[in-house]
Amino acid sequence: LASLPNIGKVLEQKLNSIGIHTPQELQAVGSKDAFLRIRRIDSGACLHMLYGLQGAIEGVRYTQLSEKTEQDLKDFFNSL
């Protein structure tokens, strides 16, 4: 997982602790569900983490997400 953009050691450990160990597993779960699982164990999980997860799935830095994707994720985050 650490080979993906936006995934450092700390986020990789969080993903491992929720049962996600490979890029394929992250892609299958999706950024929103993975974020919700992380949020259950880390109440400090923030919007930028959600962006980072989506960027990792898309293979880009989170700053390169499309405006539409960013807005969708922001709306999702604000609904929590």
PDB file of N, CA and C in Angstrom:
ATOM      1  N   LEU A   1       0.815  -1.211   0.000  1.00  0.00           N
ATOM      2  CA  LEU A   1       0.000   0.000   0.000  1.00  0.00           C
ATOM      3  C   LEU A   1       0.849   1.263   0.000  1.00  0.00           C
ATOM      4  N   ALA A   2       1.991   1.218   0.678  1.00  0.00           N
ATOM      5  CA  ALA A   2       2.829   2.411   0.779  1.00  0.00           C
ATOM      6  C   ALA A   2       3.394   2.837  -0.573  1.00  0.00           C
ATOM      7  N   SER A   3       3.306   1.977  -1.566  1.00  0.00           N
ATOM      8  CA  SER A   3       3.791   2.361  -2.900  1.00  0.00           C
ATOM      9  C   SER A   3       2.781   3.257  -3.622  1.00  0.00           C
ATOM     10  N   LEU A   4       1.564   3.329  -3.104  1.00  0.00           N
ATOM     11  CA  LEU A   4       0.531   4.171  -3.718  1.00  0.00           C
ATOM     12  C   LEU A   4       0.740   5.624  -3.337  1.00  0.00           C
ATOM     13  N   PRO A   5       0.319   6.555  -4.213  1.00  0.00           N
ATOM     14  CA  PRO A   5       0.399   7.965  -3.843  1.00  0.00           C
ATOM     15  C   PRO A   5      -0.460   8.235  -2.617  1.00  0.00           C
ATOM     16  N   ASN A   6      -0.014   9.137  -1.774  1.00  0.00           N
ATOM     17  CA  ASN A   6      -0.742   9.609  -0.587  1.00  0.00           C
ATOM     18  C   ASN A   6      -0.749   8.642   0.585  1.00  0.00           C
ATOM     19  N   ILE A   7      -0.186   7.440   0.420  1.00  0.00           N
ATOM     20  CA  ILE A   7      -0.231   6.451   1.495  1.00  0.00           C
ATOM     21  C   ILE A   7       1.141   6.369   2.164  1.00  0.00           C
ATOM     22  N   GLY A   8       1.238   6.936   3.346  1.00  0.00           N
ATOM     23  CA  GLY A   8       2.458   6.841   4.134  1.00  0.00           C
ATOM     24  C   GLY A   8       2.332   5.708   5.135  1.00  0.00           C
ATOM     25  N   LYS A   9       3.332   5.594   6.002  1.00  0.00           N
ATOM     26  CA  LYS A   9       3.345   4.495   6.973  1.00  0.00           C
ATOM     27  C   LYS A   9       2.141   4.529   7.904  1.00  0.00           C
ATOM     28  N   VAL A  10       1.765   5.724   8.381  1.00  0.00           N
ATOM     29  CA  VAL A  10       0.662   5.827   9.342  1.00  0.00           C
ATOM     30  C   VAL A  10      -0.660   5.399   8.704  1.00  0.00           C
ATOM     31  N   LEU A  11      -0.938   5.919   7.508  1.00  0.00           N
ATOM     32  CA  LEU A  11      -2.191   5.547   6.843  1.00  0.00           C
ATOM     33  C   LEU A  11      -2.178   4.075   6.450  1.00  0.00           C
ATOM     34  N   GLU A  12      -1.025   3.580   6.041  1.00  0.00           N
ATOM     35  CA  GLU A  12      -0.927   2.158   5.715  1.00  0.00           C
ATOM     36  C   GLU A  12      -1.268   1.311   6.944  1.00  0.00           C
ATOM     37  N   GLN A  13      -0.772   1.694   8.118  1.00  0.00           N
ATOM     38  CA  GLN A  13      -1.075   0.955   9.345  1.00  0.00           C
ATOM     39  C   GLN A  13      -2.573   0.998   9.655  1.00  0.00           C
ATOM     40  N   LYS A  14      -3.184   2.156   9.452  1.00  0.00           N
ATOM     41  CA  LYS A  14      -4.626   2.281   9.685  1.00  0.00           C
ATOM     42  C   LYS A  14      -5.399   1.376   8.732  1.00  0.00           C
ATOM     43  N   LEU A  15      -5.003   1.371   7.460  1.00  0.00           N
ATOM     44  CA  LEU A  15      -5.665   0.508   6.478  1.00  0.00           C
ATOM     45  C   LEU A  15      -5.493  -0.966   6.857  1.00  0.00           C
ATOM     46  N   ASN A  16      -4.287  -1.337   7.254  1.00  0.00           N
ATOM     47  CA  ASN A  16      -4.043  -2.728   7.673  1.00  0.00           C
ATOM     48  C   ASN A  16      -4.924  -3.098   8.858  1.00  0.00           C
ATOM     49  N   SER A  17      -5.103  -2.160   9.787  1.00  0.00           N
ATOM     50  CA  SER A  17      -5.877  -2.465  10.990  1.00  0.00           C
ATOM     51  C   SER A  17      -7.371  -2.644  10.692  1.00  0.00           C
ATOM     52  N   ILE A  18      -7.834  -2.140   9.536  1.00  0.00           N
ATOM     53  CA  ILE A  18      -9.237  -2.350   9.158  1.00  0.00           C
ATOM     54  C   ILE A  18      -9.377  -3.446   8.102  1.00  0.00           C
ATOM     55  N   GLY A  19      -8.283  -4.191   7.884  1.00  0.00           N
ATOM     56  CA  GLY A  19      -8.353  -5.354   7.005  1.00  0.00           C
ATOM     57  C   GLY A  19      -8.031  -5.095   5.552  1.00  0.00           C
ATOM     58  N   ILE A  20      -7.448  -3.939   5.253  1.00  0.00           N
ATOM     59  CA  ILE A  20      -7.056  -3.636   3.873  1.00  0.00           C
ATOM     60  C   ILE A  20      -5.537  -3.706   3.799  1.00  0.00           C
ATOM     61  N   HIS A  21      -5.030  -4.648   2.973  1.00  0.00           N
ATOM     62  CA  HIS A  21      -3.590  -4.899   2.914  1.00  0.00           C
ATOM     63  C   HIS A  21      -2.997  -4.721   1.521  1.00  0.00           C
ATOM     64  N   THR A  22      -3.839  -4.630   0.499  1.00  0.00           N
ATOM     65  CA  THR A  22      -3.321  -4.526  -0.867  1.00  0.00           C
ATOM     66  C   THR A  22      -4.044  -3.399  -1.616  1.00  0.00           C
ATOM     67  N   PRO A  23      -3.423  -2.878  -2.660  1.00  0.00           N
ATOM     68  CA  PRO A  23      -4.106  -1.871  -3.486  1.00  0.00           C
ATOM     69  C   PRO A  23      -5.436  -2.392  -4.045  1.00  0.00           C
ATOM     70  N   GLN A  24      -5.478  -3.681  -4.375  1.00  0.00           N
ATOM     71  CA  GLN A  24      -6.699  -4.263  -4.921  1.00  0.00           C
ATOM     72  C   GLN A  24      -7.827  -4.244  -3.885  1.00  0.00           C
ATOM     73  N   GLU A  25      -7.475  -4.535  -2.639  1.00  0.00           N
ATOM     74  CA  GLU A  25      -8.480  -4.504  -1.575  1.00  0.00           C
ATOM     75  C   GLU A  25      -8.997  -3.085  -1.362  1.00  0.00           C
ATOM     76  N   LEU A  26      -8.097  -2.107  -1.398  1.00  0.00           N
ATOM     77  CA  LEU A  26      -8.511  -0.713  -1.246  1.00  0.00           C
ATOM     78  C   LEU A  26      -9.445  -0.313  -2.378  1.00  0.00           C
ATOM     79  N   GLN A  27      -9.104  -0.691  -3.588  1.00  0.00           N
ATOM     80  CA  GLN A  27      -9.941  -0.358  -4.736  1.00  0.00           C
ATOM     81  C   GLN A  27     -11.308  -1.021  -4.623  1.00  0.00           C
ATOM     82  N   ALA A  28     -11.341  -2.278  -4.178  1.00  0.00           N
ATOM     83  CA  ALA A  28     -12.607  -2.994  -4.047  1.00  0.00           C
ATOM     84  C   ALA A  28     -13.505  -2.366  -2.979  1.00  0.00           C
ATOM     85  N   VAL A  29     -12.916  -1.907  -1.886  1.00  0.00           N
ATOM     86  CA  VAL A  29     -13.681  -1.313  -0.789  1.00  0.00           C
ATOM     87  C   VAL A  29     -14.130   0.102  -1.153  1.00  0.00           C
ATOM     88  N   GLY A  30     -13.241   0.839  -1.807  1.00  0.00           N
ATOM     89  CA  GLY A  30     -13.548   2.223  -2.169  1.00  0.00           C
ATOM     90  C   GLY A  30     -13.136   3.192  -1.080  1.00  0.00           C
ATOM     91  N   SER A  31     -12.917   4.433  -1.459  1.00  0.00           N
ATOM     92  CA  SER A  31     -12.397   5.425  -0.519  1.00  0.00           C
ATOM     93  C   SER A  31     -13.388   5.753   0.592  1.00  0.00           C
ATOM     94  N   LYS A  32     -14.665   5.850   0.253  1.00  0.00           N
ATOM     95  CA  LYS A  32     -15.656   6.244   1.263  1.00  0.00           C
ATOM     96  C   LYS A  32     -15.813   5.178   2.338  1.00  0.00           C
ATOM     97  N   ASP A  33     -15.944   3.935   1.932  1.00  0.00           N
ATOM     98  CA  ASP A  33     -16.107   2.861   2.914  1.00  0.00           C
ATOM     99  C   ASP A  33     -14.836   2.686   3.737  1.00  0.00           C
ATOM    100  N   ALA A  34     -13.685   2.757   3.080  1.00  0.00           N
ATOM    101  CA  ALA A  34     -12.417   2.650   3.812  1.00  0.00           C
ATOM    102  C   ALA A  34     -12.318   3.780   4.834  1.00  0.00           C
ATOM    103  N   PHE A  35     -12.707   4.982   4.433  1.00  0.00           N
ATOM    104  CA  PHE A  35     -12.666   6.127   5.336  1.00  0.00           C
ATOM    105  C   PHE A  35     -13.599   5.910   6.529  1.00  0.00           C
ATOM    106  N   LEU A  36     -14.802   5.407   6.276  1.00  0.00           N
ATOM    107  CA  LEU A  36     -15.741   5.158   7.374  1.00  0.00           C
ATOM    108  C   LEU A  36     -15.174   4.142   8.363  1.00  0.00           C
ATOM    109  N   ARG A  37     -14.516   3.116   7.842  1.00  0.00           N
ATOM    110  CA  ARG A  37     -13.914   2.106   8.713  1.00  0.00           C
ATOM    111  C   ARG A  37     -12.792   2.716   9.549  1.00  0.00           C
ATOM    112  N   ILE A  38     -11.977   3.557   8.918  1.00  0.00           N
ATOM    113  CA  ILE A  38     -10.889   4.217   9.652  1.00  0.00           C
ATOM    114  C   ILE A  38     -11.467   5.155  10.706  1.00  0.00           C
ATOM    115  N   ARG A  39     -12.521   5.852  10.357  1.00  0.00           N
ATOM    116  CA  ARG A  39     -13.138   6.819  11.277  1.00  0.00           C
ATOM    117  C   ARG A  39     -13.628   6.128  12.555  1.00  0.00           C
ATOM    118  N   ARG A  40     -14.011   4.863  12.442  1.00  0.00           N
ATOM    119  CA  ARG A  40     -14.456   4.121  13.628  1.00  0.00           C
ATOM    120  C   ARG A  40     -13.321   3.911  14.631  1.00  0.00           C
ATOM    121  N   ILE A  41     -12.077   3.837  14.120  1.00  0.00           N
ATOM    122  CA  ILE A  41     -10.933   3.624  15.014  1.00  0.00           C
ATOM    123  C   ILE A  41     -10.123   4.905  15.231  1.00  0.00           C
ATOM    124  N   ASP A  42     -10.393   5.938  14.430  1.00  0.00           N
ATOM    125  CA  ASP A  42      -9.656   7.201  14.528  1.00  0.00           C
ATOM    126  C   ASP A  42     -10.618   8.356  14.294  1.00  0.00           C
ATOM    127  N   SER A  43     -11.140   8.908  15.385  1.00  0.00           N
ATOM    128  CA  SER A  43     -12.133   9.986  15.255  1.00  0.00           C
ATOM    129  C   SER A  43     -11.535  11.246  14.637  1.00  0.00           C
ATOM    130  N   GLY A  44     -10.217  11.323  14.556  1.00  0.00           N
ATOM    131  CA  GLY A  44      -9.558  12.486  13.965  1.00  0.00           C
ATOM    132  C   GLY A  44      -9.369  12.381  12.459  1.00  0.00           C
ATOM    133  N   ALA A  45      -9.888  11.317  11.853  1.00  0.00           N
ATOM    134  CA  ALA A  45      -9.752  11.153  10.401  1.00  0.00           C
ATOM    135  C   ALA A  45     -10.399  12.354   9.707  1.00  0.00           C
ATOM    136  N   CYS A  46      -9.653  12.998   8.815  1.00  0.00           N
ATOM    137  CA  CYS A  46     -10.088  14.264   8.231  1.00  0.00           C
ATOM    138  C   CYS A  46     -10.382  14.148   6.730  1.00  0.00           C
ATOM    139  N   LEU A  47     -10.893  15.234   6.199  1.00  0.00           N
ATOM    140  CA  LEU A  47     -11.235  15.297   4.778  1.00  0.00           C
ATOM    141  C   LEU A  47     -10.022  15.005   3.900  1.00  0.00           C
ATOM    142  N   HIS A  48      -8.861  15.493   4.283  1.00  0.00           N
ATOM    143  CA  HIS A  48      -7.668  15.264   3.466  1.00  0.00           C
ATOM    144  C   HIS A  48      -7.289  13.782   3.422  1.00  0.00           C
ATOM    145  N   MET A  49      -7.596  13.045   4.487  1.00  0.00           N
ATOM    146  CA  MET A  49      -7.359  11.607   4.456  1.00  0.00           C
ATOM    147  C   MET A  49      -8.275  10.955   3.420  1.00  0.00           C
ATOM    148  N   LEU A  50      -9.527  11.398   3.389  1.00  0.00           N
ATOM    149  CA  LEU A  50     -10.473  10.883   2.398  1.00  0.00           C
ATOM    150  C   LEU A  50      -9.984  11.194   0.983  1.00  0.00           C
ATOM    151  N   TYR A  51      -9.536  12.425   0.760  1.00  0.00           N
ATOM    152  CA  TYR A  51      -8.962  12.790  -0.540  1.00  0.00           C
ATOM    153  C   TYR A  51      -7.769  11.893  -0.863  1.00  0.00           C
ATOM    154  N   GLY A  52      -6.926  11.657   0.128  1.00  0.00           N
ATOM    155  CA  GLY A  52      -5.740  10.829  -0.076  1.00  0.00           C
ATOM    156  C   GLY A  52      -6.090   9.406  -0.474  1.00  0.00           C
ATOM    157  N   LEU A  53      -7.107   8.859   0.166  1.00  0.00           N
ATOM    158  CA  LEU A  53      -7.544   7.496  -0.180  1.00  0.00           C
ATOM    159  C   LEU A  53      -8.039   7.438  -1.619  1.00  0.00           C
ATOM    160  N   GLN A  54      -8.837   8.422  -2.016  1.00  0.00           N
ATOM    161  CA  GLN A  54      -9.344   8.445  -3.386  1.00  0.00           C
ATOM    162  C   GLN A  54      -8.207   8.618  -4.386  1.00  0.00           C
ATOM    163  N   GLY A  55      -7.277   9.499  -4.055  1.00  0.00           N
ATOM    164  CA  GLY A  55      -6.114   9.694  -4.925  1.00  0.00           C
ATOM    165  C   GLY A  55      -5.309   8.410  -5.072  1.00  0.00           C
ATOM    166  N   ALA A  56      -5.161   7.681  -3.977  1.00  0.00           N
ATOM    167  CA  ALA A  56      -4.422   6.408  -4.028  1.00  0.00           C
ATOM    168  C   ALA A  56      -5.112   5.432  -4.963  1.00  0.00           C
ATOM    169  N   ILE A  57      -6.435   5.389  -4.894  1.00  0.00           N
ATOM    170  CA  ILE A  57      -7.196   4.496  -5.772  1.00  0.00           C
ATOM    171  C   ILE A  57      -7.019   4.902  -7.231  1.00  0.00           C
ATOM    172  N   GLU A  58      -7.013   6.216  -7.476  1.00  0.00           N
ATOM    173  CA  GLU A  58      -6.868   6.710  -8.856  1.00  0.00           C
ATOM    174  C   GLU A  58      -5.411   6.762  -9.313  1.00  0.00           C
ATOM    175  N   GLY A  59      -4.471   6.582  -8.386  1.00  0.00           N
ATOM    176  CA  GLY A  59      -3.049   6.609  -8.736  1.00  0.00           C
ATOM    177  C   GLY A  59      -2.494   8.006  -8.927  1.00  0.00           C
ATOM    178  N   VAL A  60      -3.105   8.992  -8.241  1.00  0.00           N
ATOM    179  CA  VAL A  60      -2.643  10.384  -8.357  1.00  0.00           C
ATOM    180  C   VAL A  60      -2.491  11.007  -6.970  1.00  0.00           C
ATOM    181  N   ARG A  61      -1.719  12.085  -6.890  1.00  0.00           N
ATOM    182  CA  ARG A  61      -1.656  12.861  -5.652  1.00  0.00           C
ATOM    183  C   ARG A  61      -3.044  13.429  -5.397  1.00  0.00           C
ATOM    184  N   TYR A  62      -3.399  13.571  -4.129  1.00  0.00           N
ATOM    185  CA  TYR A  62      -4.762  14.025  -3.822  1.00  0.00           C
ATOM    186  C   TYR A  62      -5.039  15.425  -4.350  1.00  0.00           C
ATOM    187  N   THR A  63      -3.984  16.208  -4.575  1.00  0.00           N
ATOM    188  CA  THR A  63      -4.172  17.561  -5.116  1.00  0.00           C
ATOM    189  C   THR A  63      -4.552  17.537  -6.595  1.00  0.00           C
ATOM    190  N   GLN A  64      -4.470  16.371  -7.224  1.00  0.00           N
ATOM    191  CA  GLN A  64      -4.791  16.244  -8.644  1.00  0.00           C
ATOM    192  C   GLN A  64      -6.167  15.643  -8.899  1.00  0.00           C
ATOM    193  N   LEU A  65      -6.957  15.466  -7.852  1.00  0.00           N
ATOM    194  CA  LEU A  65      -8.313  14.950  -8.043  1.00  0.00           C
ATOM    195  C   LEU A  65      -9.141  15.975  -8.812  1.00  0.00           C
ATOM    196  N   SER A  66     -10.099  15.492  -9.582  1.00  0.00           N
ATOM    197  CA  SER A  66     -10.957  16.412 -10.330  1.00  0.00           C
ATOM    198  C   SER A  66     -11.819  17.210  -9.352  1.00  0.00           C
ATOM    199  N   GLU A  67     -12.259  18.380  -9.775  1.00  0.00           N
ATOM    200  CA  GLU A  67     -13.120  19.219  -8.927  1.00  0.00           C
ATOM    201  C   GLU A  67     -14.406  18.471  -8.577  1.00  0.00           C
ATOM    202  N   LYS A  68     -14.935  17.734  -9.539  1.00  0.00           N
ATOM    203  CA  LYS A  68     -16.167  16.974  -9.311  1.00  0.00           C
ATOM    204  C   LYS A  68     -15.961  15.921  -8.220  1.00  0.00           C
ATOM    205  N   THR A  69     -14.846  15.208  -8.304  1.00  0.00           N
ATOM    206  CA  THR A  69     -14.541  14.191  -7.298  1.00  0.00           C
ATOM    207  C   THR A  69     -14.341  14.833  -5.937  1.00  0.00           C
ATOM    208  N   GLU A  70     -13.585  15.929  -5.893  1.00  0.00           N
ATOM    209  CA  GLU A  70     -13.370  16.630  -4.624  1.00  0.00           C
ATOM    210  C   GLU A  70     -14.696  17.073  -4.010  1.00  0.00           C
ATOM    211  N   GLN A  71     -15.578  17.622  -4.822  1.00  0.00           N
ATOM    212  CA  GLN A  71     -16.862  18.099  -4.302  1.00  0.00           C
ATOM    213  C   GLN A  71     -17.699  16.934  -3.795  1.00  0.00           C
ATOM    214  N   ASP A  72     -17.696  15.826  -4.516  1.00  0.00           N
ATOM    215  CA  ASP A  72     -18.434  14.637  -4.086  1.00  0.00           C
ATOM    216  C   ASP A  72     -17.919  14.155  -2.733  1.00  0.00           C
ATOM    217  N   LEU A  73     -16.604  14.092  -2.581  1.00  0.00           N
ATOM    218  CA  LEU A  73     -16.014  13.633  -1.328  1.00  0.00           C
ATOM    219  C   LEU A  73     -16.286  14.625  -0.196  1.00  0.00           C
ATOM    220  N   LYS A  74     -16.233  15.906  -0.512  1.00  0.00           N
ATOM    221  CA  LYS A  74     -16.502  16.935   0.497  1.00  0.00           C
ATOM    222  C   LYS A  74     -17.955  16.851   0.974  1.00  0.00           C
ATOM    223  N   ASP A  75     -18.878  16.667   0.044  1.00  0.00           N
ATOM    224  CA  ASP A  75     -20.293  16.513   0.408  1.00  0.00           C
ATOM    225  C   ASP A  75     -20.489  15.277   1.295  1.00  0.00           C
ATOM    226  N   PHE A  76     -19.836  14.181   0.926  1.00  0.00           N
ATOM    227  CA  PHE A  76     -19.904  12.950   1.711  1.00  0.00           C
ATOM    228  C   PHE A  76     -19.369  13.200   3.121  1.00  0.00           C
ATOM    229  N   PHE A  77     -18.199  13.824   3.215  1.00  0.00           N
ATOM    230  CA  PHE A  77     -17.574  14.098   4.515  1.00  0.00           C
ATOM    231  C   PHE A  77     -18.475  14.978   5.374  1.00  0.00           C
ATOM    232  N   ASN A  78     -19.056  16.013   4.768  1.00  0.00           N
ATOM    233  CA  ASN A  78     -19.905  16.934   5.519  1.00  0.00           C
ATOM    234  C   ASN A  78     -21.208  16.283   5.971  1.00  0.00           C
ATOM    235  N   SER A  79     -21.595  15.198   5.312  1.00  0.00           N
ATOM    236  CA  SER A  79     -22.828  14.509   5.701  1.00  0.00           C
ATOM    237  C   SER A  79     -22.631  13.595   6.915  1.00  0.00           C
ATOM    238  N   LEU A  80     -21.381  13.378   7.284  1.00  0.00           N
ATOM    239  CA  LEU A  80     -21.096  12.471   8.416  1.00  0.00           C
ATOM    240  C   LEU A  80     -21.370  13.138   9.751  1.00  0.00           C
TER     241      LEU A  80
END
